[in-house]
Amino acid sequence: MSALKRWDLVARLRTTVDAIEHIVGGLGTAVLAVAAVLWMVIAAVTCVGGVGFALLPTIPRVIRAVAQRERGRLSRWTPEIIGPEPLPPGFRAAIRNPTTQRELAWVLCHGTAGLLLGMVGVSLPIYAVTDGTFPLWWYVLPPDESADTLAILPVHDLGDALLVSLMGVGWLVVLVAAEPLLARLQAWPGRRLLTPDPGTDLALRVAHLTATRAAALDAHTTELRRIERSLHDGTQNRLVAVNVLLGAARRAVARDPAAAVAILDRAQDAAEQALTELRGVVRTILPPVLTDRTLPDALASLATTCPVPCRVDADVPGRSAASVEATVYFAVAETLTNVAKHSGARRATVVLRRNEDQLCVAVTDDGRGGADEGAGSGLAGIRRRVEAHDGTFALASPAGGPTTMTASLPCGL
């Protein structure tokens, strides 16, 4: 088999696995859609006795919650679907909202056709595995139940079992050919009904870009202030001390050469400290380690210096933009600093992956949890840095742990 054919086969298998994943997720939202339909039926039936009127206001919220689940699922399977504006107050206004009406149509469609497609899509890999491995376990079945998955071919001996395994190969061929199509068919109503109108989509995108631009400017201003404060409070004071000591040494040369030598030694120490602090400030602007080494190597270096045992799992082909890599580096560095100072964790893990055009990083620790962005731990600064690149930042830190920081940035592929 040529390399091109092997690559095509691997690509088809990968597409099939992705389709199975989307089918399973779609089956989950289809079950939620069925639950939403049942809730609407219950509310409508109980309205006869007057109880259902109290349930009516919850119907638009239930529909929106299920639709948002589907939007999130479809957004992980590009292109992204931007969420709608909040529901208007009041049942009548909410149910008359065009977006709500489209969501209602999607719930009815996905709860029927989507559920059926999901069941078919999930059944195909089960059939392929069950029939394909049938010769390995058929003899443990009762004689009257020993047959293929569709109960078409009774099995009496090993030859019949091998024939069923050939049917499993056929199911595998059907799976590879049909699963991506089933996934697209299942997602099609959501793509048509849950996507905002073009004008709304554009307005929401403009609002999002405006917010991220403001965050970028704010992050830039904050960074400039931090650099200015570091230079003013540290390096500048050291250089002033060097200047004063050199003046004192100049005046002491003629009358007390020994004292002048001691003063020059102090001036040299102050100059070395100023250089050290200046190098530290420069490293916080753009780490030199990213110039000499790759991002996984830089993260591995951070992990070795972390007081908490840390494991790095990085698998990214090639390099990303320097600003993106620097943002990921600083996000991980700040998070590991928080882990060492506040979490009480025994171990931490850094996972770095590239998902299509997104560079994704996750830092997890087994500490006490309870991390809060508003507690001044630097998490708000990480969010500003990430959102300045039009990225996303999320923090999950329940009481008792574990704590997981995730960030995803466009890497310009």
Protein backbone atom coordinates (compact mmCIF):
# COMPACT_ATOMS: atom_id res chain seq x y z
CA MET A 1 0.00 0.00 0.00
CA SER A 2 1.43 3.37 -1.03
CA ALA A 3 2.04 6.15 1.48
CA LEU A 4 -0.71 8.25 -0.12
CA LYS A 5 -3.29 5.46 0.27
CA ARG A 6 -2.23 4.85 3.88
CA TRP A 7 -2.60 8.55 4.61
CA ASP A 8 -6.06 8.54 3.00
CA LEU A 9 -7.09 5.53 5.09
CA VAL A 10 -5.85 7.15 8.30
CA ALA A 11 -7.70 10.35 7.42
CA ARG A 12 -10.93 8.41 6.80
CA LEU A 13 -10.61 6.56 10.10
CA ARG A 14 -9.94 9.82 11.93
CA THR A 15 -12.97 11.42 10.29
CA THR A 16 -15.07 8.42 11.32
CA VAL A 17 -13.90 8.61 14.93
CA ASP A 18 -14.67 12.34 15.01
CA ALA A 19 -18.11 11.64 13.54
CA ILE A 20 -18.80 9.04 16.24
CA GLU A 21 -17.87 11.60 18.87
CA HIS A 22 -20.24 14.18 17.37
CA ILE A 23 -23.01 11.60 16.98
CA VAL A 24 -22.73 10.66 20.67
CA GLY A 25 -22.81 14.34 21.68
CA GLY A 26 -25.77 14.92 19.37
CA LEU A 27 -27.57 11.96 20.90
CA GLY A 28 -27.10 13.56 24.31
CA THR A 29 -28.61 16.87 23.23
CA ALA A 30 -31.40 14.95 21.45
CA VAL A 31 -32.31 13.30 24.74
CA LEU A 32 -32.35 16.76 26.35
CA ALA A 33 -34.57 17.98 23.50
CA VAL A 34 -37.00 15.12 24.17
CA ALA A 35 -37.01 16.09 27.84
CA ALA A 36 -37.77 19.71 26.86
CA VAL A 37 -40.68 18.55 24.68
CA LEU A 38 -42.05 16.45 27.54
CA TRP A 39 -41.74 19.45 29.84
CA MET A 40 -43.76 21.56 27.39
CA VAL A 41 -46.41 18.83 27.18
CA ILE A 42 -46.61 18.60 30.98
CA ALA A 43 -46.97 22.38 31.24
CA ALA A 44 -49.67 22.42 28.56
CA VAL A 45 -51.65 19.55 30.12
CA THR A 46 -51.48 20.95 33.64
CA CYS A 47 -52.70 24.32 32.40
CA VAL A 48 -56.16 22.74 32.36
CA GLY A 49 -56.07 22.64 36.14
CA GLY A 50 -54.34 25.97 36.46
CA VAL A 51 -51.05 24.54 37.77
CA GLY A 52 -49.35 24.72 34.39
CA PHE A 53 -49.55 28.51 34.23
CA ALA A 54 -46.79 28.64 36.82
CA LEU A 55 -44.68 26.41 34.58
CA LEU A 56 -45.14 28.40 31.37
CA PRO A 57 -42.39 30.99 32.10
CA THR A 58 -39.87 28.17 32.43
CA ILE A 59 -40.49 26.85 28.91
CA PRO A 60 -38.40 29.49 27.02
CA ARG A 61 -35.58 29.06 29.55
CA VAL A 62 -35.60 25.28 29.17
CA ILE A 63 -35.57 25.59 25.38
CA ARG A 64 -32.72 28.13 25.54
CA ALA A 65 -30.68 25.92 27.89
CA VAL A 66 -30.93 22.90 25.56
CA ALA A 67 -30.23 25.05 22.49
CA GLN A 68 -27.15 26.51 24.16
CA ARG A 69 -25.88 22.99 24.77
CA GLU A 70 -26.23 22.27 21.07
CA ARG A 71 -24.54 25.56 20.14
CA GLY A 72 -21.60 24.62 22.33
CA ARG A 73 -21.42 21.17 20.74
CA LEU A 74 -21.56 22.53 17.21
CA SER A 75 -19.02 25.26 18.02
CA ARG A 76 -16.48 22.56 18.83
CA TRP A 77 -17.06 21.34 15.27
CA THR A 78 -16.24 24.56 13.38
CA PRO A 79 -17.47 27.13 12.52
CA GLU A 80 -18.33 28.66 15.89
CA ILE A 81 -21.96 29.61 16.61
CA ILE A 82 -22.25 32.84 18.57
CA GLY A 83 -24.91 32.73 21.29
CA PRO A 84 -28.00 34.94 21.06
CA GLU A 85 -28.95 37.90 23.21
CA PRO A 86 -30.63 37.16 26.57
CA LEU A 87 -34.30 36.25 26.59
CA PRO A 88 -36.67 39.21 26.92
CA PRO A 89 -38.61 39.34 30.20
CA GLY A 90 -42.07 37.81 30.25
CA PHE A 91 -43.41 34.59 28.74
CA ARG A 92 -45.24 36.24 25.84
CA ALA A 93 -42.29 38.37 24.78
CA ALA A 94 -39.89 35.43 25.09
CA ILE A 95 -42.05 33.00 23.13
CA ARG A 96 -42.67 35.58 20.37
CA ASN A 97 -38.94 36.22 20.02
CA PRO A 98 -37.79 34.97 16.57
CA THR A 99 -34.72 33.31 18.10
CA THR A 100 -36.88 31.42 20.61
CA GLN A 101 -39.21 30.29 17.84
CA ARG A 102 -36.29 28.94 15.82
CA GLU A 103 -34.99 27.20 18.95
CA LEU A 104 -38.42 25.64 19.48
CA ALA A 105 -38.43 24.36 15.90
CA TRP A 106 -34.96 22.93 16.44
CA VAL A 107 -36.02 21.20 19.68
CA LEU A 108 -38.92 19.49 17.89
CA CYS A 109 -36.71 18.48 14.94
CA HIS A 110 -33.71 17.38 16.99
CA GLY A 111 -35.85 15.51 19.49
CA THR A 112 -37.22 13.33 16.68
CA ALA A 113 -34.96 13.12 13.62
CA GLY A 114 -31.82 13.96 15.60
CA LEU A 115 -32.62 11.27 18.16
CA LEU A 116 -33.20 8.70 15.39
CA LEU A 117 -29.97 9.62 13.58
CA GLY A 118 -28.08 9.48 16.86
CA MET A 119 -29.39 6.02 17.67
CA VAL A 120 -28.46 4.77 14.20
CA GLY A 121 -25.02 6.40 14.42
CA VAL A 122 -24.30 4.86 17.82
CA SER A 123 -25.58 1.45 16.71
CA LEU A 124 -23.21 1.14 13.74
CA PRO A 125 -19.93 0.95 15.75
CA ILE A 126 -21.64 -1.38 18.25
CA TYR A 127 -22.70 -3.69 15.42
CA ALA A 128 -19.23 -3.59 13.87
CA VAL A 129 -17.48 -4.47 17.14
CA THR A 130 -20.05 -7.08 18.22
CA ASP A 131 -20.13 -8.97 14.92
CA GLY A 132 -16.44 -8.50 14.21
CA THR A 133 -15.43 -10.13 17.51
CA PHE A 134 -18.23 -12.75 17.47
CA PRO A 135 -15.92 -15.79 16.98
CA LEU A 136 -14.19 -14.94 20.27
CA TRP A 137 -17.22 -15.27 22.52
CA TRP A 138 -20.15 -16.86 20.64
CA TYR A 139 -19.79 -20.20 22.45
CA VAL A 140 -20.78 -18.65 25.81
CA LEU A 141 -24.25 -17.77 24.48
CA PRO A 142 -27.23 -20.10 24.85
CA PRO A 143 -27.82 -22.05 21.60
CA ASP A 144 -31.16 -20.38 20.97
CA GLU A 145 -29.65 -16.87 21.33
CA SER A 146 -26.48 -17.38 19.31
CA ALA A 147 -26.91 -15.15 16.25
CA ASP A 148 -25.62 -11.94 14.73
CA THR A 149 -26.70 -8.54 16.04
CA LEU A 150 -29.74 -8.41 13.76
CA ALA A 151 -30.67 -12.02 14.54
CA ILE A 152 -30.61 -12.87 10.82
CA LEU A 153 -28.00 -15.62 10.82
CA PRO A 154 -28.25 -18.37 13.49
CA VAL A 155 -24.87 -19.64 14.65
CA HIS A 156 -24.35 -23.34 15.29
CA ASP A 157 -20.61 -23.78 14.84
CA LEU A 158 -17.35 -21.89 14.35
CA GLY A 159 -17.93 -21.58 10.61
CA ASP A 160 -21.15 -19.69 11.21
CA ALA A 161 -19.34 -17.49 13.75
CA LEU A 162 -16.66 -16.65 11.18
CA LEU A 163 -19.40 -15.72 8.73
CA VAL A 164 -20.82 -13.33 11.32
CA SER A 165 -17.36 -11.79 11.68
CA LEU A 166 -17.41 -11.09 7.94
CA MET A 167 -20.69 -9.28 8.53
CA GLY A 168 -18.80 -7.24 11.13
CA VAL A 169 -16.34 -6.21 8.43
CA GLY A 170 -19.31 -5.14 6.34
CA TRP A 171 -20.66 -3.10 9.25
CA LEU A 172 -17.21 -1.47 9.52
CA VAL A 173 -17.34 -0.48 5.85
CA VAL A 174 -20.84 0.95 6.36
CA LEU A 175 -19.60 2.76 9.46
CA VAL A 176 -16.71 4.43 7.65
CA ALA A 177 -18.92 5.39 4.71
CA ALA A 178 -22.07 6.52 6.53
CA GLU A 179 -21.04 7.87 9.96
CA PRO A 180 -19.72 11.25 8.75
CA LEU A 181 -22.89 11.73 6.68
CA LEU A 182 -25.08 10.88 9.69
CA ALA A 183 -23.15 13.37 11.83
CA ARG A 184 -23.64 16.14 9.26
CA LEU A 185 -27.33 15.35 8.89
CA GLN A 186 -27.78 15.42 12.65
CA ALA A 187 -26.00 18.79 12.90
CA TRP A 188 -27.75 20.38 9.90
CA PRO A 189 -30.93 21.59 11.72
CA GLY A 190 -28.80 23.22 14.40
CA ARG A 191 -26.66 24.95 11.80
CA ARG A 192 -29.79 26.29 10.09
CA LEU A 193 -31.97 27.16 13.09
CA LEU A 194 -29.56 28.02 15.93
CA THR A 195 -27.27 30.35 13.99
CA PRO A 196 -28.13 34.04 14.49
CA ASP A 197 -29.26 36.16 11.57
CA PRO A 198 -26.32 37.52 9.56
CA GLY A 199 -26.92 41.03 10.90
CA THR A 200 -27.15 39.78 14.47
CA ASP A 201 -24.08 37.63 14.05
CA LEU A 202 -22.12 40.60 12.73
CA ALA A 203 -23.35 42.88 15.53
CA LEU A 204 -22.43 40.34 18.20
CA ARG A 205 -19.04 39.81 16.59
CA VAL A 206 -18.40 43.56 16.51
CA ALA A 207 -19.40 43.80 20.17
CA HIS A 208 -17.09 40.89 21.00
CA LEU A 209 -14.18 42.45 19.10
CA THR A 210 -14.83 45.80 20.78
CA ALA A 211 -14.69 44.13 24.18
CA THR A 212 -11.51 42.21 23.34
CA ARG A 213 -9.89 45.37 21.94
CA ALA A 214 -10.70 47.19 25.17
CA ALA A 215 -9.24 44.26 27.10
CA ALA A 216 -6.12 44.38 24.92
CA LEU A 217 -5.66 48.09 25.55
CA ASP A 218 -6.24 47.60 29.26
CA ALA A 219 -3.76 44.72 29.36
CA HIS A 220 -1.23 46.81 27.42
CA THR A 221 -1.64 49.75 29.82
CA THR A 222 -1.33 47.47 32.84
CA GLU A 223 1.82 45.91 31.38
CA LEU A 224 3.38 49.32 30.72
CA ARG A 225 2.62 50.41 34.27
CA ARG A 226 4.17 47.22 35.64
CA ILE A 227 7.32 47.70 33.56
CA GLU A 228 7.53 51.38 34.56
CA ARG A 229 7.08 50.51 38.24
CA SER A 230 9.73 47.78 38.04
CA LEU A 231 12.21 50.14 36.36
CA HIS A 232 11.43 53.03 38.71
CA ASP A 233 11.40 51.12 42.00
CA GLY A 234 14.28 48.80 41.23
CA THR A 235 16.67 49.52 38.39
CA GLN A 236 16.46 53.31 38.57
CA ASN A 237 17.18 53.34 42.32
CA ARG A 238 20.18 51.07 41.80
CA LEU A 239 21.57 53.32 39.05
CA VAL A 240 21.07 56.40 41.24
CA ALA A 241 23.00 54.62 44.00
CA VAL A 242 25.78 53.81 41.51
CA ASN A 243 25.96 57.47 40.48
CA VAL A 244 26.12 58.65 44.10
CA LEU A 245 28.79 56.09 44.99
CA LEU A 246 30.91 57.03 41.95
CA GLY A 247 30.74 60.68 42.99
CA ALA A 248 31.79 59.79 46.52
CA ALA A 249 34.62 57.64 45.21
CA ARG A 250 35.80 60.48 42.94
CA ARG A 251 35.98 62.84 45.92
CA ALA A 252 37.72 60.24 48.11
CA VAL A 253 40.48 59.31 45.63
CA ALA A 254 42.79 62.16 46.57
CA ARG A 255 42.42 62.08 50.37
CA ASP A 256 41.68 58.39 51.12
CA PRO A 257 42.42 55.91 48.28
CA ALA A 258 41.49 52.89 50.43
CA ALA A 259 38.03 54.31 51.13
CA ALA A 260 37.64 55.12 47.40
CA VAL A 261 38.33 51.46 46.55
CA ALA A 262 35.66 50.29 49.05
CA ILE A 263 33.16 52.78 47.61
CA LEU A 264 33.93 51.56 44.06
CA ASP A 265 33.31 47.98 45.20
CA ARG A 266 29.89 49.02 46.52
CA ALA A 267 29.20 50.84 43.25
CA GLN A 268 30.10 47.72 41.28
CA ASP A 269 27.76 45.59 43.43
CA ALA A 270 24.96 48.10 42.90
CA ALA A 271 25.58 48.10 39.14
CA GLU A 272 25.47 44.28 39.04
CA GLN A 273 22.20 44.30 40.99
CA ALA A 274 20.78 46.87 38.57
CA LEU A 275 21.76 44.68 35.61
CA THR A 276 20.16 41.64 37.27
CA GLU A 277 16.91 43.52 37.87
CA LEU A 278 16.98 44.91 34.33
CA ARG A 279 17.37 41.38 32.93
CA GLY A 280 14.41 40.30 35.06
CA VAL A 281 12.25 43.08 33.63
CA VAL A 282 13.28 42.18 30.08
CA ARG A 283 12.39 38.52 30.66
CA THR A 284 8.87 39.52 31.73
CA ILE A 285 8.39 41.36 28.42
CA LEU A 286 9.37 38.44 26.16
CA PRO A 287 11.11 35.41 27.67
CA PRO A 288 14.45 34.75 25.94
CA VAL A 289 13.88 31.02 26.48
CA LEU A 290 11.22 31.14 23.75
CA THR A 291 13.78 32.51 21.31
CA ASP A 292 16.31 29.77 21.96
CA ARG A 293 13.91 26.89 22.61
CA THR A 294 10.38 25.73 21.72
CA LEU A 295 7.32 26.38 23.86
CA PRO A 296 7.19 22.77 25.18
CA ASP A 297 10.85 23.10 26.22
CA ALA A 298 10.10 26.42 27.93
CA LEU A 299 7.17 24.90 29.82
CA ALA A 300 9.33 21.96 30.83
CA SER A 301 11.85 24.44 32.23
CA LEU A 302 9.06 26.10 34.24
CA ALA A 303 7.99 22.71 35.58
CA THR A 304 11.49 21.86 36.80
CA THR A 305 11.69 25.09 38.80
CA CYS A 306 8.20 24.72 40.30
CA PRO A 307 8.27 23.73 44.02
CA VAL A 308 5.30 21.41 43.38
CA PRO A 309 6.11 18.29 41.30
CA CYS A 310 4.82 19.11 37.83
CA ARG A 311 4.40 17.01 34.70
CA VAL A 312 4.26 18.57 31.22
CA ASP A 313 2.34 16.82 28.43
CA ALA A 314 2.97 18.90 25.30
CA ASP A 315 2.29 17.78 21.75
CA VAL A 316 2.29 20.71 19.31
CA PRO A 317 3.75 20.58 15.78
CA GLY A 318 5.80 23.61 14.80
CA ARG A 319 5.83 27.09 16.30
CA SER A 320 3.09 29.68 16.81
CA ALA A 321 3.28 33.46 16.81
CA ALA A 322 5.78 34.79 19.37
CA SER A 323 3.12 36.82 21.18
CA VAL A 324 0.84 33.77 21.48
CA GLU A 325 3.63 31.57 22.84
CA ALA A 326 4.64 34.31 25.28
CA THR A 327 1.06 34.60 26.52
CA VAL A 328 0.81 30.84 27.07
CA TYR A 329 4.19 30.86 28.82
CA PHE A 330 3.22 33.67 31.19
CA ALA A 331 -0.19 32.09 31.86
CA VAL A 332 1.43 28.81 32.86
CA ALA A 333 4.14 30.58 34.88
CA GLU A 334 1.58 32.64 36.84
CA THR A 335 -0.65 29.60 37.39
CA LEU A 336 2.22 27.45 38.68
CA THR A 337 3.22 30.30 41.00
CA ASN A 338 -0.32 30.31 42.40
CA VAL A 339 -0.21 26.52 42.75
CA ALA A 340 3.01 26.73 44.77
CA LYS A 341 1.81 29.62 46.98
CA HIS A 342 -1.86 28.98 47.62
CA SER A 343 -3.10 25.53 46.60
CA GLY A 344 -1.33 23.11 48.94
CA ALA A 345 -1.16 20.71 46.00
CA ARG A 346 1.03 17.63 45.86
CA ARG A 347 1.29 17.53 42.08
CA ALA A 348 0.37 19.55 39.00
CA THR A 349 -0.02 18.80 35.31
CA VAL A 350 0.38 21.05 32.26
CA VAL A 351 -1.23 19.85 29.02
CA LEU A 352 -0.51 21.70 25.76
CA ARG A 353 -2.26 20.84 22.51
CA ARG A 354 -3.01 22.44 19.15
CA ASN A 355 -6.63 22.01 18.11
CA GLU A 356 -6.86 23.11 14.47
CA ASP A 357 -6.20 26.89 14.66
CA GLN A 358 -6.26 27.07 18.48
CA LEU A 359 -3.36 26.66 20.88
CA CYS A 360 -4.86 25.18 24.05
CA VAL A 361 -3.23 24.84 27.47
CA ALA A 362 -4.61 23.40 30.69
CA VAL A 363 -2.97 23.47 34.14
CA THR A 364 -4.45 21.15 36.77
CA ASP A 365 -3.48 20.67 40.40
CA ASP A 366 -4.83 18.44 43.19
CA GLY A 367 -4.88 21.20 45.80
CA ARG A 368 -7.61 22.51 48.07
CA GLY A 369 -9.40 24.49 45.33
CA GLY A 370 -11.40 27.63 45.91
CA ALA A 371 -9.29 29.81 43.59
CA ASP A 372 -10.93 33.17 42.87
CA GLU A 373 -10.09 35.60 40.08
CA GLY A 374 -11.04 38.55 42.29
CA ALA A 375 -8.69 37.57 45.12
CA GLY A 376 -5.66 39.27 43.59
CA SER A 377 -3.85 36.04 42.70
CA GLY A 378 -2.95 37.12 39.14
CA LEU A 379 -5.75 35.15 37.49
CA ALA A 380 -7.45 38.33 36.29
CA GLY A 381 -4.19 39.31 34.63
CA ILE A 382 -4.05 35.94 32.86
CA ARG A 383 -7.60 36.47 31.59
CA ARG A 384 -6.71 39.94 30.26
CA ARG A 385 -3.63 38.60 28.48
CA VAL A 386 -5.58 35.75 26.88
CA GLU A 387 -8.61 37.81 25.87
CA ALA A 388 -6.31 40.43 24.38
CA HIS A 389 -5.47 37.76 21.76
CA ASP A 390 -9.19 37.04 21.18
CA GLY A 391 -8.74 33.87 23.19
CA THR A 392 -10.82 32.21 25.89
CA PHE A 393 -9.98 31.67 29.56
CA ALA A 394 -11.77 29.42 32.04
CA LEU A 395 -11.16 28.52 35.67
CA ALA A 396 -12.73 25.57 37.49
CA SER A 397 -11.82 25.43 41.18
CA PRO A 398 -14.48 23.87 43.41
CA ALA A 399 -13.88 23.74 47.14
CA GLY A 400 -11.75 20.71 47.85
CA GLY A 401 -10.24 20.76 44.36
CA PRO A 402 -9.03 19.97 41.86
CA THR A 403 -8.30 23.30 40.18
CA THR A 404 -8.05 23.53 36.40
CA MET A 405 -7.06 26.60 34.41
CA THR A 406 -7.69 26.38 30.68
CA ALA A 407 -6.80 28.90 27.99
CA SER A 408 -7.24 28.76 24.23
CA LEU A 409 -5.66 31.24 21.82
CA PRO A 410 -5.80 31.56 18.03
CA CYS A 411 -2.38 30.55 16.75
CA GLY A 412 -2.71 31.78 13.18
CA LEU A 413 -2.79 28.52 11.23
